[in-house]
């Protein structure tokens, strides 16, 4: 039996007085398309940022292909946020 492509196990993420993720566990099978849906403030972006190693969970773990998430996995994960995350005060230098 093969392992899921992506697993989260008991993931928690807290911001000061707000708990964004509370014991989130999920398995995404290999070869499947998965949608992450929920209302504003449900923790979708927090989970995606953890999977993309932009932030780390306070507790729990994320596995990719059965391995704990590692910086080498960044090249295997695609992420296109709705907001491009450009720095408003950064000037573009064109050579």
PDB file of N, CA and C in Angstrom:
ATOM      1  N   UNK A   1       0.825  -1.179   0.000  1.00  0.00           N
ATOM      2  CA  UNK A   1       0.000   0.000   0.000  1.00  0.00           C
ATOM      3  C   UNK A   1       0.880   1.257   0.000  1.00  0.00           C
ATOM      4  N   UNK A   2       0.589   2.204  -0.886  1.00  0.00           N
ATOM      5  CA  UNK A   2       1.408   3.410  -0.951  1.00  0.00           C
ATOM      6  C   UNK A   2       0.914   4.448   0.056  1.00  0.00           C
ATOM      7  N   UNK A   3       1.793   5.325   0.421  1.00  0.00           N
ATOM      8  CA  UNK A   3       1.456   6.386   1.365  1.00  0.00           C
ATOM      9  C   UNK A   3       0.857   7.568   0.605  1.00  0.00           C
ATOM     10  N   UNK A   4       0.149   8.452   1.305  1.00  0.00           N
ATOM     11  CA  UNK A   4      -0.395   9.639   0.647  1.00  0.00           C
ATOM     12  C   UNK A   4       0.730  10.534   0.121  1.00  0.00           C
ATOM     13  N   UNK A   5       0.414  11.332  -0.880  1.00  0.00           N
ATOM     14  CA  UNK A   5       1.393  12.293  -1.399  1.00  0.00           C
ATOM     15  C   UNK A   5       1.707  13.336  -0.326  1.00  0.00           C
ATOM     16  N   UNK A   6       0.668  13.846   0.321  1.00  0.00           N
ATOM     17  CA  UNK A   6       0.841  14.859   1.345  1.00  0.00           C
ATOM     18  C   UNK A   6       0.023  14.480   2.566  1.00  0.00           C
ATOM     19  N   UNK A   7       0.637  14.592   3.736  1.00  0.00           N
ATOM     20  CA  UNK A   7      -0.053  14.316   4.995  1.00  0.00           C
ATOM     21  C   UNK A   7       0.207  15.457   5.960  1.00  0.00           C
ATOM     22  N   UNK A   8      -0.819  15.854   6.686  1.00  0.00           N
ATOM     23  CA  UNK A   8      -0.621  16.714   7.845  1.00  0.00           C
ATOM     24  C   UNK A   8      -1.112  15.925   9.047  1.00  0.00           C
ATOM     25  N   UNK A   9      -0.352  15.992  10.111  1.00  0.00           N
ATOM     26  CA  UNK A   9      -0.685  15.236  11.316  1.00  0.00           C
ATOM     27  C   UNK A   9      -0.730  16.171  12.517  1.00  0.00           C
ATOM     28  N   UNK A  10      -1.924  16.349  13.053  1.00  0.00           N
ATOM     29  CA  UNK A  10      -2.124  17.109  14.289  1.00  0.00           C
ATOM     30  C   UNK A  10      -1.435  18.477  14.257  1.00  0.00           C
ATOM     31  N   UNK A  11      -1.692  19.242  13.195  1.00  0.00           N
ATOM     32  CA  UNK A  11      -1.048  20.543  13.013  1.00  0.00           C
ATOM     33  C   UNK A  11      -1.810  21.631  13.771  1.00  0.00           C
ATOM     34  N   UNK A  12      -1.043  22.417  14.515  1.00  0.00           N
ATOM     35  CA  UNK A  12      -1.559  23.578  15.237  1.00  0.00           C
ATOM     36  C   UNK A  12      -0.777  24.808  14.799  1.00  0.00           C
ATOM     37  N   UNK A  13      -1.473  25.942  14.656  1.00  0.00           N
ATOM     38  CA  UNK A  13      -0.822  27.224  14.409  1.00  0.00           C
ATOM     39  C   UNK A  13      -1.586  28.284  15.174  1.00  0.00           C
ATOM     40  N   UNK A  14      -0.847  29.025  16.004  1.00  0.00           N
ATOM     41  CA  UNK A  14      -1.451  30.071  16.816  1.00  0.00           C
ATOM     42  C   UNK A  14      -0.772  31.396  16.526  1.00  0.00           C
ATOM     43  N   UNK A  15      -1.568  32.458  16.507  1.00  0.00           N
ATOM     44  CA  UNK A  15      -1.063  33.817  16.356  1.00  0.00           C
ATOM     45  C   UNK A  15      -1.557  34.606  17.564  1.00  0.00           C
ATOM     46  N   UNK A  16      -0.677  34.984  18.434  1.00  0.00           N
ATOM     47  CA  UNK A  16      -0.987  35.722  19.668  1.00  0.00           C
ATOM     48  C   UNK A  16      -2.209  35.122  20.368  1.00  0.00           C
ATOM     49  N   UNK A  17      -3.382  35.716  20.197  1.00  0.00           N
ATOM     50  CA  UNK A  17      -4.567  35.216  20.899  1.00  0.00           C
ATOM     51  C   UNK A  17      -5.521  34.462  19.978  1.00  0.00           C
ATOM     52  N   UNK A  18      -5.080  34.130  18.771  1.00  0.00           N
ATOM     53  CA  UNK A  18      -5.952  33.452  17.799  1.00  0.00           C
ATOM     54  C   UNK A  18      -5.349  32.101  17.398  1.00  0.00           C
ATOM     55  N   UNK A  19      -6.146  31.047  17.457  1.00  0.00           N
ATOM     56  CA  UNK A  19      -5.726  29.734  16.977  1.00  0.00           C
ATOM     57  C   UNK A  19      -6.238  29.584  15.548  1.00  0.00           C
ATOM     58  N   UNK A  20      -5.321  29.546  14.580  1.00  0.00           N
ATOM     59  CA  UNK A  20      -5.698  29.435  13.167  1.00  0.00           C
ATOM     60  C   UNK A  20      -5.916  27.981  12.769  1.00  0.00           C
ATOM     61  N   UNK A  21      -5.091  27.078  13.295  1.00  0.00           N
ATOM     62  CA  UNK A  21      -5.209  25.649  12.993  1.00  0.00           C
ATOM     63  C   UNK A  21      -5.239  24.890  14.315  1.00  0.00           C
ATOM     64  N   UNK A  22      -6.242  24.049  14.469  1.00  0.00           N
ATOM     65  CA  UNK A  22      -6.446  23.339  15.723  1.00  0.00           C
ATOM     66  C   UNK A  22      -6.532  21.840  15.449  1.00  0.00           C
ATOM     67  N   UNK A  23      -5.381  21.160  15.536  1.00  0.00           N
ATOM     68  CA  UNK A  23      -5.323  19.705  15.371  1.00  0.00           C
ATOM     69  C   UNK A  23      -5.772  19.254  13.977  1.00  0.00           C
ATOM     70  N   UNK A  24      -5.201  19.861  12.943  1.00  0.00           N
ATOM     71  CA  UNK A  24      -5.575  19.562  11.556  1.00  0.00           C
ATOM     72  C   UNK A  24      -4.773  18.363  11.053  1.00  0.00           C
ATOM     73  N   UNK A  25      -5.493  17.338  10.626  1.00  0.00           N
ATOM     74  CA  UNK A  25      -4.889  16.156  10.017  1.00  0.00           C
ATOM     75  C   UNK A  25      -5.610  15.876   8.708  1.00  0.00           C
ATOM     76  N   UNK A  26      -4.848  15.622   7.657  1.00  0.00           N
ATOM     77  CA  UNK A  26      -5.452  15.239   6.381  1.00  0.00           C
ATOM     78  C   UNK A  26      -4.459  14.438   5.569  1.00  0.00           C
ATOM     79  N   UNK A  27      -4.988  13.630   4.687  1.00  0.00           N
ATOM     80  CA  UNK A  27      -4.184  12.837   3.752  1.00  0.00           C
ATOM     81  C   UNK A  27      -4.655  13.156   2.350  1.00  0.00           C
ATOM     82  N   UNK A  28      -3.714  13.494   1.483  1.00  0.00           N
ATOM     83  CA  UNK A  28      -4.037  13.733   0.076  1.00  0.00           C
ATOM     84  C   UNK A  28      -3.392  12.610  -0.721  1.00  0.00           C
ATOM     85  N   UNK A  29      -4.223  11.767  -1.360  1.00  0.00           N
ATOM     86  CA  UNK A  29      -3.676  10.629  -2.104  1.00  0.00           C
ATOM     87  C   UNK A  29      -2.868  11.071  -3.325  1.00  0.00           C
ATOM     88  N   UNK A  30      -1.937  10.239  -3.720  1.00  0.00           N
ATOM     89  CA  UNK A  30      -1.164  10.499  -4.931  1.00  0.00           C
ATOM     90  C   UNK A  30      -2.098  10.475  -6.143  1.00  0.00           C
ATOM     91  N   UNK A  31      -1.848  11.352  -7.109  1.00  0.00           N
ATOM     92  CA  UNK A  31      -2.621  11.370  -8.342  1.00  0.00           C
ATOM     93  C   UNK A  31      -3.997  11.988  -8.214  1.00  0.00           C
ATOM     94  N   UNK A  32      -4.282  12.687  -7.120  1.00  0.00           N
ATOM     95  CA  UNK A  32      -5.590  13.292  -6.896  1.00  0.00           C
ATOM     96  C   UNK A  32      -5.491  14.811  -6.916  1.00  0.00           C
ATOM     97  N   UNK A  33      -6.577  15.452  -7.242  1.00  0.00           N
ATOM     98  CA  UNK A  33      -6.689  16.899  -7.133  1.00  0.00           C
ATOM     99  C   UNK A  33      -7.467  17.173  -5.860  1.00  0.00           C
ATOM    100  N   UNK A  34      -6.975  18.096  -5.064  1.00  0.00           N
ATOM    101  CA  UNK A  34      -7.571  18.364  -3.763  1.00  0.00           C
ATOM    102  C   UNK A  34      -7.851  19.850  -3.634  1.00  0.00           C
ATOM    103  N   UNK A  35      -9.040  20.208  -3.197  1.00  0.00           N
ATOM    104  CA  UNK A  35      -9.395  21.596  -2.956  1.00  0.00           C
ATOM    105  C   UNK A  35      -9.494  21.861  -1.472  1.00  0.00           C
ATOM    106  N   UNK A  36      -8.988  22.998  -1.055  1.00  0.00           N
ATOM    107  CA  UNK A  36      -9.034  23.400   0.344  1.00  0.00           C
ATOM    108  C   UNK A  36     -10.027  24.553   0.435  1.00  0.00           C
ATOM    109  N   UNK A  37     -11.199  24.279   0.979  1.00  0.00           N
ATOM    110  CA  UNK A  37     -12.284  25.250   1.018  1.00  0.00           C
ATOM    111  C   UNK A  37     -12.660  25.593   2.446  1.00  0.00           C
ATOM    112  N   UNK A  38     -13.121  26.814   2.644  1.00  0.00           N
ATOM    113  CA  UNK A  38     -13.611  27.228   3.953  1.00  0.00           C
ATOM    114  C   UNK A  38     -13.805  28.723   3.986  1.00  0.00           C
ATOM    115  N   UNK A  39     -14.512  29.198   5.001  1.00  0.00           N
ATOM    116  CA  UNK A  39     -14.759  30.643   5.104  1.00  0.00           C
ATOM    117  C   UNK A  39     -13.492  31.401   5.493  1.00  0.00           C
ATOM    118  N   UNK A  40     -13.561  32.729   5.376  1.00  0.00           N
ATOM    119  CA  UNK A  40     -12.451  33.575   5.811  1.00  0.00           C
ATOM    120  C   UNK A  40     -12.131  33.268   7.272  1.00  0.00           C
ATOM    121  N   UNK A  41     -10.843  33.165   7.562  1.00  0.00           N
ATOM    122  CA  UNK A  41     -10.414  32.913   8.932  1.00  0.00           C
ATOM    123  C   UNK A  41     -10.407  31.456   9.342  1.00  0.00           C
ATOM    124  N   UNK A  42     -10.680  30.552   8.392  1.00  0.00           N
ATOM    125  CA  UNK A  42     -10.737  29.125   8.729  1.00  0.00           C
ATOM    126  C   UNK A  42      -9.354  28.488   8.845  1.00  0.00           C
ATOM    127  N   UNK A  43      -8.306  29.166   8.364  1.00  0.00           N
ATOM    128  CA  UNK A  43      -6.952  28.622   8.462  1.00  0.00           C
ATOM    129  C   UNK A  43      -6.385  28.087   7.155  1.00  0.00           C
ATOM    130  N   UNK A  44      -7.074  28.287   6.043  1.00  0.00           N
ATOM    131  CA  UNK A  44      -6.600  27.770   4.748  1.00  0.00           C
ATOM    132  C   UNK A  44      -5.219  28.314   4.405  1.00  0.00           C
ATOM    133  N   UNK A  45      -5.070  29.621   4.481  1.00  0.00           N
ATOM    134  CA  UNK A  45      -3.784  30.233   4.136  1.00  0.00           C
ATOM    135  C   UNK A  45      -2.706  29.810   5.118  1.00  0.00           C
ATOM    136  N   UNK A  46      -3.034  29.714   6.384  1.00  0.00           N
ATOM    137  CA  UNK A  46      -2.040  29.256   7.365  1.00  0.00           C
ATOM    138  C   UNK A  46      -1.539  27.863   7.027  1.00  0.00           C
ATOM    139  N   UNK A  47      -2.446  26.965   6.653  1.00  0.00           N
ATOM    140  CA  UNK A  47      -2.039  25.609   6.289  1.00  0.00           C
ATOM    141  C   UNK A  47      -1.191  25.609   5.017  1.00  0.00           C
ATOM    142  N   UNK A  48      -1.595  26.374   4.025  1.00  0.00           N
ATOM    143  CA  UNK A  48      -0.832  26.435   2.777  1.00  0.00           C
ATOM    144  C   UNK A  48       0.559  27.010   3.032  1.00  0.00           C
ATOM    145  N   UNK A  49       0.661  28.012   3.877  1.00  0.00           N
ATOM    146  CA  UNK A  49       1.978  28.589   4.189  1.00  0.00           C
ATOM    147  C   UNK A  49       2.872  27.583   4.917  1.00  0.00           C
ATOM    148  N   UNK A  50       2.282  26.747   5.749  1.00  0.00           N
ATOM    149  CA  UNK A  50       3.062  25.705   6.422  1.00  0.00           C
ATOM    150  C   UNK A  50       3.533  24.671   5.409  1.00  0.00           C
ATOM    151  N   UNK A  51       2.654  24.234   4.521  1.00  0.00           N
ATOM    152  CA  UNK A  51       3.019  23.247   3.508  1.00  0.00           C
ATOM    153  C   UNK A  51       4.130  23.780   2.612  1.00  0.00           C
ATOM    154  N   UNK A  52       4.097  25.087   2.312  1.00  0.00           N
ATOM    155  CA  UNK A  52       5.114  25.703   1.458  1.00  0.00           C
ATOM    156  C   UNK A  52       6.335  26.175   2.233  1.00  0.00           C
ATOM    157  N   UNK A  53       6.380  25.887   3.523  1.00  0.00           N
ATOM    158  CA  UNK A  53       7.505  26.208   4.398  1.00  0.00           C
ATOM    159  C   UNK A  53       7.769  27.702   4.494  1.00  0.00           C
ATOM    160  N   UNK A  54       6.711  28.493   4.350  1.00  0.00           N
ATOM    161  CA  UNK A  54       6.803  29.932   4.568  1.00  0.00           C
ATOM    162  C   UNK A  54       6.761  30.200   6.067  1.00  0.00           C
ATOM    163  N   UNK A  55       5.945  29.426   6.766  1.00  0.00           N
ATOM    164  CA  UNK A  55       5.908  29.441   8.229  1.00  0.00           C
ATOM    165  C   UNK A  55       5.982  27.989   8.701  1.00  0.00           C
ATOM    166  N   UNK A  56       6.143  27.813   9.990  1.00  0.00           N
ATOM    167  CA  UNK A  56       6.223  26.463  10.558  1.00  0.00           C
ATOM    168  C   UNK A  56       5.038  26.241  11.499  1.00  0.00           C
ATOM    169  N   UNK A  57       4.608  25.006  11.639  1.00  0.00           N
ATOM    170  CA  UNK A  57       3.538  24.744  12.609  1.00  0.00           C
ATOM    171  C   UNK A  57       4.062  24.904  14.027  1.00  0.00           C
ATOM    172  N   UNK A  58       3.173  25.274  14.930  1.00  0.00           N
ATOM    173  CA  UNK A  58       3.544  25.316  16.345  1.00  0.00           C
ATOM    174  C   UNK A  58       3.645  23.903  16.903  1.00  0.00           C
ATOM    175  N   UNK A  59       2.807  23.025  16.380  1.00  0.00           N
ATOM    176  CA  UNK A  59       2.822  21.604  16.749  1.00  0.00           C
ATOM    177  C   UNK A  59       2.420  20.809  15.518  1.00  0.00           C
ATOM    178  N   UNK A  60       2.751  19.531  15.514  1.00  0.00           N
ATOM    179  CA  UNK A  60       2.363  18.634  14.444  1.00  0.00           C
ATOM    180  C   UNK A  60       3.441  18.537  13.382  1.00  0.00           C
ATOM    181  N   UNK A  61       3.106  17.785  12.327  1.00  0.00           N
ATOM    182  CA  UNK A  61       4.088  17.597  11.258  1.00  0.00           C
ATOM    183  C   UNK A  61       3.394  17.487   9.915  1.00  0.00           C
ATOM    184  N   UNK A  62       4.189  17.754   8.876  1.00  0.00           N
ATOM    185  CA  UNK A  62       3.739  17.626   7.495  1.00  0.00           C
ATOM    186  C   UNK A  62       4.706  16.687   6.799  1.00  0.00           C
ATOM    187  N   UNK A  63       4.149  15.719   6.049  1.00  0.00           N
ATOM    188  CA  UNK A  63       4.975  14.774   5.310  1.00  0.00           C
ATOM    189  C   UNK A  63       4.663  14.883   3.819  1.00  0.00           C
ATOM    190  N   UNK A  64       5.690  14.823   3.011  1.00  0.00           N
ATOM    191  CA  UNK A  64       5.556  14.794   1.559  1.00  0.00           C
ATOM    192  C   UNK A  64       6.189  13.495   1.073  1.00  0.00           C
ATOM    193  N   UNK A  65       5.397  12.678   0.406  1.00  0.00           N
ATOM    194  CA  UNK A  65       5.856  11.358  -0.034  1.00  0.00           C
ATOM    195  C   UNK A  65       6.414  10.533   1.122  1.00  0.00           C
ATOM    196  N   UNK A  66       5.795  10.651   2.283  1.00  0.00           N
ATOM    197  CA  UNK A  66       6.192   9.856   3.440  1.00  0.00           C
ATOM    198  C   UNK A  66       7.370  10.397   4.220  1.00  0.00           C
ATOM    199  N   UNK A  67       7.958  11.510   3.768  1.00  0.00           N
ATOM    200  CA  UNK A  67       9.110  12.102   4.447  1.00  0.00           C
ATOM    201  C   UNK A  67       8.683  13.386   5.148  1.00  0.00           C
ATOM    202  N   UNK A  68       9.235  13.654   6.334  1.00  0.00           N
ATOM    203  CA  UNK A  68       8.964  14.945   6.956  1.00  0.00           C
ATOM    204  C   UNK A  68       9.370  16.075   6.013  1.00  0.00           C
ATOM    205  N   UNK A  69       8.573  17.117   5.989  1.00  0.00           N
ATOM    206  CA  UNK A  69       8.838  18.248   5.104  1.00  0.00           C
ATOM    207  C   UNK A  69      10.238  18.782   5.334  1.00  0.00           C
ATOM    208  N   UNK A  70      10.944  19.055   4.254  1.00  0.00           N
ATOM    209  CA  UNK A  70      12.348  19.467   4.288  1.00  0.00           C
ATOM    210  C   UNK A  70      12.547  20.544   3.227  1.00  0.00           C
ATOM    211  N   UNK A  71      13.516  21.448   3.390  1.00  0.00           N
ATOM    212  CA  UNK A  71      13.730  22.491   2.376  1.00  0.00           C
ATOM    213  C   UNK A  71      13.884  21.961   0.944  1.00  0.00           C
ATOM    214  N   UNK A  72      14.405  20.749   0.779  1.00  0.00           N
ATOM    215  CA  UNK A  72      14.556  20.202  -0.573  1.00  0.00           C
ATOM    216  C   UNK A  72      13.201  20.010  -1.265  1.00  0.00           C
ATOM    217  N   UNK A  73      12.115  19.908  -0.496  1.00  0.00           N
ATOM    218  CA  UNK A  73      10.791  19.683  -1.062  1.00  0.00           C
ATOM    219  C   UNK A  73      10.191  20.930  -1.704  1.00  0.00           C
ATOM    220  N   UNK A  74      10.751  22.090  -1.404  1.00  0.00           N
ATOM    221  CA  UNK A  74      10.209  23.334  -1.952  1.00  0.00           C
ATOM    222  C   UNK A  74      10.154  23.269  -3.478  1.00  0.00           C
ATOM    223  N   UNK A  75      11.138  22.663  -4.099  1.00  0.00           N
ATOM    224  CA  UNK A  75      11.172  22.567  -5.563  1.00  0.00           C
ATOM    225  C   UNK A  75      10.062  21.668  -6.115  1.00  0.00           C
ATOM    226  N   UNK A  76       9.448  20.853  -5.274  1.00  0.00           N
ATOM    227  CA  UNK A  76       8.398  19.927  -5.713  1.00  0.00           C
ATOM    228  C   UNK A  76       6.985  20.460  -5.485  1.00  0.00           C
ATOM    229  N   UNK A  77       6.882  21.643  -4.887  1.00  0.00           N
ATOM    230  CA  UNK A  77       5.576  22.194  -4.534  1.00  0.00           C
ATOM    231  C   UNK A  77       5.369  23.498  -5.293  1.00  0.00           C
ATOM    232  N   UNK A  78       4.256  23.610  -5.991  1.00  0.00           N
ATOM    233  CA  UNK A  78       3.910  24.853  -6.672  1.00  0.00           C
ATOM    234  C   UNK A  78       2.888  25.622  -5.860  1.00  0.00           C
ATOM    235  N   UNK A  79       3.030  26.937  -5.816  1.00  0.00           N
ATOM    236  CA  UNK A  79       2.119  27.772  -5.041  1.00  0.00           C
ATOM    237  C   UNK A  79       1.990  29.117  -5.733  1.00  0.00           C
ATOM    238  N   UNK A  80       0.766  29.498  -6.063  1.00  0.00           N
ATOM    239  CA  UNK A  80       0.501  30.799  -6.660  1.00  0.00           C
ATOM    240  C   UNK A  80      -0.570  31.487  -5.824  1.00  0.00           C
ATOM    241  N   UNK A  81      -0.152  32.368  -4.910  1.00  0.00           N
ATOM    242  CA  UNK A  81      -1.138  33.036  -4.064  1.00  0.00           C
ATOM    243  C   UNK A  81      -1.957  34.041  -4.861  1.00  0.00           C
ATOM    244  N   UNK A  82      -3.144  34.337  -4.356  1.00  0.00           N
ATOM    245  CA  UNK A  82      -3.992  35.330  -5.017  1.00  0.00           C
ATOM    246  C   UNK A  82      -3.299  36.688  -5.018  1.00  0.00           C
ATOM    247  N   UNK A  83      -2.726  37.057  -3.872  1.00  0.00           N
ATOM    248  CA  UNK A  83      -1.954  38.294  -3.782  1.00  0.00           C
ATOM    249  C   UNK A  83      -0.511  37.948  -4.106  1.00  0.00           C
ATOM    250  N   UNK A  84       0.110  38.764  -4.916  1.00  0.00           N
ATOM    251  CA  UNK A  84       1.454  38.457  -5.369  1.00  0.00           C
ATOM    252  C   UNK A  84       2.529  38.711  -4.332  1.00  0.00           C
ATOM    253  N   UNK A  85       2.197  39.427  -3.271  1.00  0.00           N
ATOM    254  CA  UNK A  85       3.156  39.628  -2.189  1.00  0.00           C
ATOM    255  C   UNK A  85       4.287  40.569  -2.535  1.00  0.00           C
ATOM    256  N   UNK A  86       4.056  41.502  -3.434  1.00  0.00           N
ATOM    257  CA  UNK A  86       5.107  42.464  -3.773  1.00  0.00           C
ATOM    258  C   UNK A  86       5.249  43.469  -2.633  1.00  0.00           C
ATOM    259  N   UNK A  87       6.445  43.937  -2.451  1.00  0.00           N
ATOM    260  CA  UNK A  87       6.712  44.911  -1.406  1.00  0.00           C
ATOM    261  C   UNK A  87       6.396  46.300  -1.947  1.00  0.00           C
ATOM    262  N   UNK A  88       5.496  47.009  -1.295  1.00  0.00           N
ATOM    263  CA  UNK A  88       5.037  48.308  -1.793  1.00  0.00           C
ATOM    264  C   UNK A  88       6.143  49.340  -1.836  1.00  0.00           C
ATOM    265  N   UNK A  89       7.107  49.259  -0.943  1.00  0.00           N
ATOM    266  CA  UNK A  89       8.179  50.257  -0.893  1.00  0.00           C
ATOM    267  C   UNK A  89       9.407  49.829  -1.702  1.00  0.00           C
ATOM    268  N   UNK A  90       9.359  48.676  -2.308  1.00  0.00           N
ATOM    269  CA  UNK A  90      10.510  48.166  -3.070  1.00  0.00           C
ATOM    270  C   UNK A  90      10.459  48.737  -4.492  1.00  0.00           C
ATOM    271  N   UNK A  91      11.583  49.241  -4.946  1.00  0.00           N
ATOM    272  CA  UNK A  91      11.662  49.792  -6.296  1.00  0.00           C
ATOM    273  C   UNK A  91      12.205  48.727  -7.237  1.00  0.00           C
ATOM    274  N   UNK A  92      11.670  48.688  -8.415  1.00  0.00           N
ATOM    275  CA  UNK A  92      12.096  47.743  -9.428  1.00  0.00           C
ATOM    276  C   UNK A  92      13.320  48.280 -10.147  1.00  0.00           C
ATOM    277  N   UNK A  93      14.373  47.512 -10.190  1.00  0.00           N
ATOM    278  CA  UNK A  93      15.589  47.905 -10.894  1.00  0.00           C
ATOM    279  C   UNK A  93      15.684  47.113 -12.181  1.00  0.00           C
ATOM    280  N   UNK A  94      15.696  47.789 -13.277  1.00  0.00           N
ATOM    281  CA  UNK A  94      15.808  47.138 -14.591  1.00  0.00           C
ATOM    282  C   UNK A  94      17.159  47.488 -15.173  1.00  0.00           C
ATOM    283  N   UNK A  95      17.920  46.477 -15.502  1.00  0.00           N
ATOM    284  CA  UNK A  95      19.263  46.688 -16.076  1.00  0.00           C
ATOM    285  C   UNK A  95      19.183  46.759 -17.580  1.00  0.00           C
TER     286      UNK A  95
END
